[in-house]
N, C-alpha and C. Protein backbone atom coordinates (compact mmCIF):
# COMPACT_ATOMS: atom_id res chain seq x y z
N MET A 1 0.83 -1.19 0.00
CA MET A 1 0.00 0.00 0.00
C MET A 1 0.88 1.25 0.00
N ARG A 2 0.35 2.32 -0.53
CA ARG A 2 1.12 3.55 -0.60
C ARG A 2 1.39 4.12 0.79
N SER A 3 0.50 3.94 1.73
CA SER A 3 0.73 4.49 3.07
C SER A 3 2.00 3.89 3.69
N ASP A 4 2.27 2.64 3.43
CA ASP A 4 3.51 2.03 3.93
C ASP A 4 4.72 2.69 3.30
N ARG A 5 4.62 3.00 2.02
CA ARG A 5 5.73 3.68 1.34
C ARG A 5 5.93 5.09 1.87
N VAL A 6 4.85 5.77 2.16
CA VAL A 6 4.94 7.13 2.71
C VAL A 6 5.61 7.09 4.07
N PHE A 7 5.22 6.17 4.91
CA PHE A 7 5.82 6.07 6.25
C PHE A 7 7.29 5.70 6.16
N ASP A 8 7.66 4.85 5.21
CA ASP A 8 9.08 4.53 5.02
C ASP A 8 9.85 5.77 4.56
N ALA A 9 9.24 6.57 3.69
CA ALA A 9 9.90 7.79 3.22
C ALA A 9 10.01 8.83 4.33
N LEU A 10 9.09 8.81 5.28
CA LEU A 10 9.14 9.76 6.39
C LEU A 10 10.32 9.49 7.31
N HIS A 11 10.90 8.31 7.27
CA HIS A 11 12.11 8.05 8.05
C HIS A 11 13.29 8.81 7.47
N THR A 12 13.26 9.04 6.15
CA THR A 12 14.33 9.81 5.51
C THR A 12 14.08 11.30 5.66
N LEU A 13 12.88 11.74 5.31
CA LEU A 13 12.49 13.15 5.45
C LEU A 13 11.43 13.25 6.53
N ARG A 14 11.75 13.84 7.63
CA ARG A 14 10.81 13.89 8.74
C ARG A 14 9.74 14.98 8.57
N ASN A 15 10.01 15.95 7.73
CA ASN A 15 9.06 17.03 7.50
C ASN A 15 8.08 16.62 6.41
N ARG A 16 6.81 16.51 6.75
CA ARG A 16 5.81 16.03 5.79
C ARG A 16 5.61 17.00 4.64
N TYR A 17 5.70 18.29 4.93
CA TYR A 17 5.54 19.29 3.87
C TYR A 17 6.65 19.15 2.83
N THR A 18 7.89 19.00 3.30
CA THR A 18 9.02 18.83 2.40
C THR A 18 8.86 17.54 1.60
N LEU A 19 8.39 16.49 2.24
CA LEU A 19 8.18 15.22 1.54
C LEU A 19 7.15 15.37 0.43
N CYS A 20 6.06 16.07 0.70
CA CYS A 20 5.04 16.27 -0.33
C CYS A 20 5.57 17.08 -1.50
N GLN A 21 6.31 18.15 -1.19
CA GLN A 21 6.87 18.97 -2.26
C GLN A 21 7.84 18.16 -3.11
N LEU A 22 8.73 17.44 -2.46
CA LEU A 22 9.72 16.66 -3.18
C LEU A 22 9.07 15.56 -4.01
N ALA A 23 8.09 14.88 -3.43
CA ALA A 23 7.42 13.80 -4.15
C ALA A 23 6.66 14.32 -5.37
N SER A 24 6.02 15.47 -5.25
CA SER A 24 5.28 16.00 -6.39
C SER A 24 6.22 16.45 -7.51
N LYS A 25 7.33 17.10 -7.15
CA LYS A 25 8.29 17.53 -8.16
C LYS A 25 8.94 16.33 -8.84
N ALA A 26 9.31 15.33 -8.05
CA ALA A 26 9.96 14.15 -8.62
C ALA A 26 8.99 13.35 -9.49
N THR A 27 7.73 13.29 -9.10
CA THR A 27 6.74 12.57 -9.89
C THR A 27 6.58 13.22 -11.25
N ARG A 28 6.57 14.55 -11.28
CA ARG A 28 6.47 15.25 -12.56
C ARG A 28 7.68 14.99 -13.44
N LYS A 29 8.86 14.93 -12.84
CA LYS A 29 10.07 14.73 -13.63
C LYS A 29 10.23 13.28 -14.11
N PHE A 30 9.86 12.31 -13.27
CA PHE A 30 10.09 10.90 -13.60
C PHE A 30 8.94 10.26 -14.37
N HIS A 31 7.81 10.92 -14.47
CA HIS A 31 6.65 10.31 -15.12
C HIS A 31 6.88 10.11 -16.61
N LYS A 32 6.54 8.92 -17.07
CA LYS A 32 6.68 8.57 -18.48
C LYS A 32 5.28 8.48 -19.09
N PRO A 33 5.13 8.95 -20.32
CA PRO A 33 3.81 8.84 -20.97
C PRO A 33 3.37 7.38 -21.07
N ASN A 34 2.09 7.20 -21.08
CA ASN A 34 1.47 5.87 -21.20
C ASN A 34 1.72 4.97 -19.99
N THR A 35 2.05 5.57 -18.85
CA THR A 35 2.15 4.79 -17.61
C THR A 35 1.24 5.45 -16.57
N ARG A 36 0.88 4.68 -15.59
CA ARG A 36 0.02 5.22 -14.54
C ARG A 36 0.81 6.13 -13.62
N ILE A 37 0.24 7.26 -13.27
CA ILE A 37 0.93 8.20 -12.39
C ILE A 37 1.07 7.61 -10.98
N GLN A 38 0.17 6.73 -10.61
CA GLN A 38 0.25 6.09 -9.30
C GLN A 38 1.51 5.24 -9.18
N GLU A 39 1.86 4.56 -10.27
CA GLU A 39 3.08 3.75 -10.26
C GLU A 39 4.32 4.62 -10.15
N THR A 40 4.28 5.77 -10.82
CA THR A 40 5.41 6.70 -10.73
C THR A 40 5.55 7.22 -9.31
N MET A 41 4.43 7.54 -8.68
CA MET A 41 4.47 8.02 -7.28
C MET A 41 5.03 6.95 -6.35
N ASN A 42 4.60 5.73 -6.55
CA ASN A 42 5.12 4.64 -5.71
C ASN A 42 6.63 4.49 -5.88
N GLU A 43 7.10 4.61 -7.11
CA GLU A 43 8.53 4.51 -7.37
C GLU A 43 9.29 5.66 -6.70
N VAL A 44 8.72 6.85 -6.75
CA VAL A 44 9.36 8.01 -6.11
C VAL A 44 9.46 7.80 -4.60
N PHE A 45 8.38 7.37 -3.98
CA PHE A 45 8.42 7.12 -2.53
C PHE A 45 9.42 6.03 -2.18
N ASP A 46 9.53 5.00 -3.00
CA ASP A 46 10.52 3.96 -2.76
C ASP A 46 11.94 4.50 -2.87
N ARG A 47 12.17 5.37 -3.86
CA ARG A 47 13.51 5.96 -4.01
C ARG A 47 13.86 6.85 -2.82
N ILE A 48 12.90 7.62 -2.35
CA ILE A 48 13.13 8.48 -1.18
C ILE A 48 13.43 7.63 0.04
N ALA A 49 12.67 6.57 0.23
CA ALA A 49 12.86 5.71 1.40
C ALA A 49 14.22 5.03 1.38
N ASP A 50 14.74 4.70 0.19
CA ASP A 50 16.00 4.00 0.08
C ASP A 50 17.22 4.92 0.08
N SER A 51 17.00 6.22 0.02
CA SER A 51 18.10 7.18 -0.08
C SER A 51 18.52 7.71 1.29
N ASP A 52 19.69 8.32 1.30
CA ASP A 52 20.15 9.02 2.49
C ASP A 52 19.59 10.42 2.49
N ARG A 53 19.42 10.98 3.66
CA ARG A 53 18.87 12.33 3.78
C ARG A 53 19.74 13.37 3.06
N GLN A 54 21.06 13.23 3.15
CA GLN A 54 21.96 14.20 2.53
C GLN A 54 21.85 14.16 1.01
N GLU A 55 21.63 13.00 0.43
CA GLU A 55 21.50 12.88 -1.02
C GLU A 55 20.26 13.60 -1.52
N ILE A 56 19.19 13.52 -0.76
CA ILE A 56 17.92 14.09 -1.19
C ILE A 56 17.92 15.61 -1.05
N LEU A 57 18.47 16.09 0.04
CA LEU A 57 18.40 17.52 0.32
C LEU A 57 19.58 18.31 -0.20
N SER A 58 20.47 17.68 -0.94
CA SER A 58 21.61 18.43 -1.47
C SER A 58 21.11 19.44 -2.49
N GLU A 59 21.63 20.64 -2.38
CA GLU A 59 21.19 21.72 -3.26
C GLU A 59 22.22 21.90 -4.36
N PRO A 60 21.78 22.25 -5.55
CA PRO A 60 22.75 22.50 -6.62
C PRO A 60 23.59 23.72 -6.31
N GLU A 61 24.73 23.80 -6.97
CA GLU A 61 25.64 24.91 -6.71
C GLU A 61 25.02 26.25 -7.07
N ASN A 62 24.23 26.28 -8.12
CA ASN A 62 23.62 27.54 -8.55
C ASN A 62 22.17 27.63 -8.07
N PHE A 63 21.93 27.28 -6.82
CA PHE A 63 20.59 27.25 -6.27
C PHE A 63 19.98 28.66 -6.23
N ALA A 64 20.78 29.65 -5.84
CA ALA A 64 20.27 31.02 -5.75
C ALA A 64 19.83 31.52 -7.12
N GLU A 65 20.58 31.18 -8.15
CA GLU A 65 20.23 31.61 -9.50
C GLU A 65 18.94 30.94 -9.96
N ALA A 66 18.76 29.67 -9.63
CA ALA A 66 17.55 28.96 -10.00
C ALA A 66 16.33 29.55 -9.29
N GLN A 67 16.51 29.96 -8.06
CA GLN A 67 15.43 30.58 -7.30
C GLN A 67 15.01 31.91 -7.93
N ARG A 68 15.99 32.71 -8.37
CA ARG A 68 15.68 33.99 -8.98
C ARG A 68 14.91 33.79 -10.28
N ARG A 69 15.30 32.81 -11.07
CA ARG A 69 14.60 32.56 -12.34
C ARG A 69 13.19 32.07 -12.10
N ALA A 70 12.99 31.29 -11.03
CA ALA A 70 11.66 30.75 -10.74
C ALA A 70 10.71 31.85 -10.27
N ALA A 71 11.22 32.88 -9.65
CA ALA A 71 10.37 33.94 -9.11
C ALA A 71 9.89 34.92 -10.14
């Protein structure tokens, strides 16, 4: 069930808001046409659960520049 995957991912990211933001962004990036979005979400939660916290929250070197362009 997806709730089990969410709880496993919460061990890596303890902040639920950050987890939701990261999961939604990753789902948009990893989604392939002609596949179910639910399967993509499950895969994203599995990847988050299997990763280290530092790997997930590492910011790119040009993070400030990306923020300015997004605004």
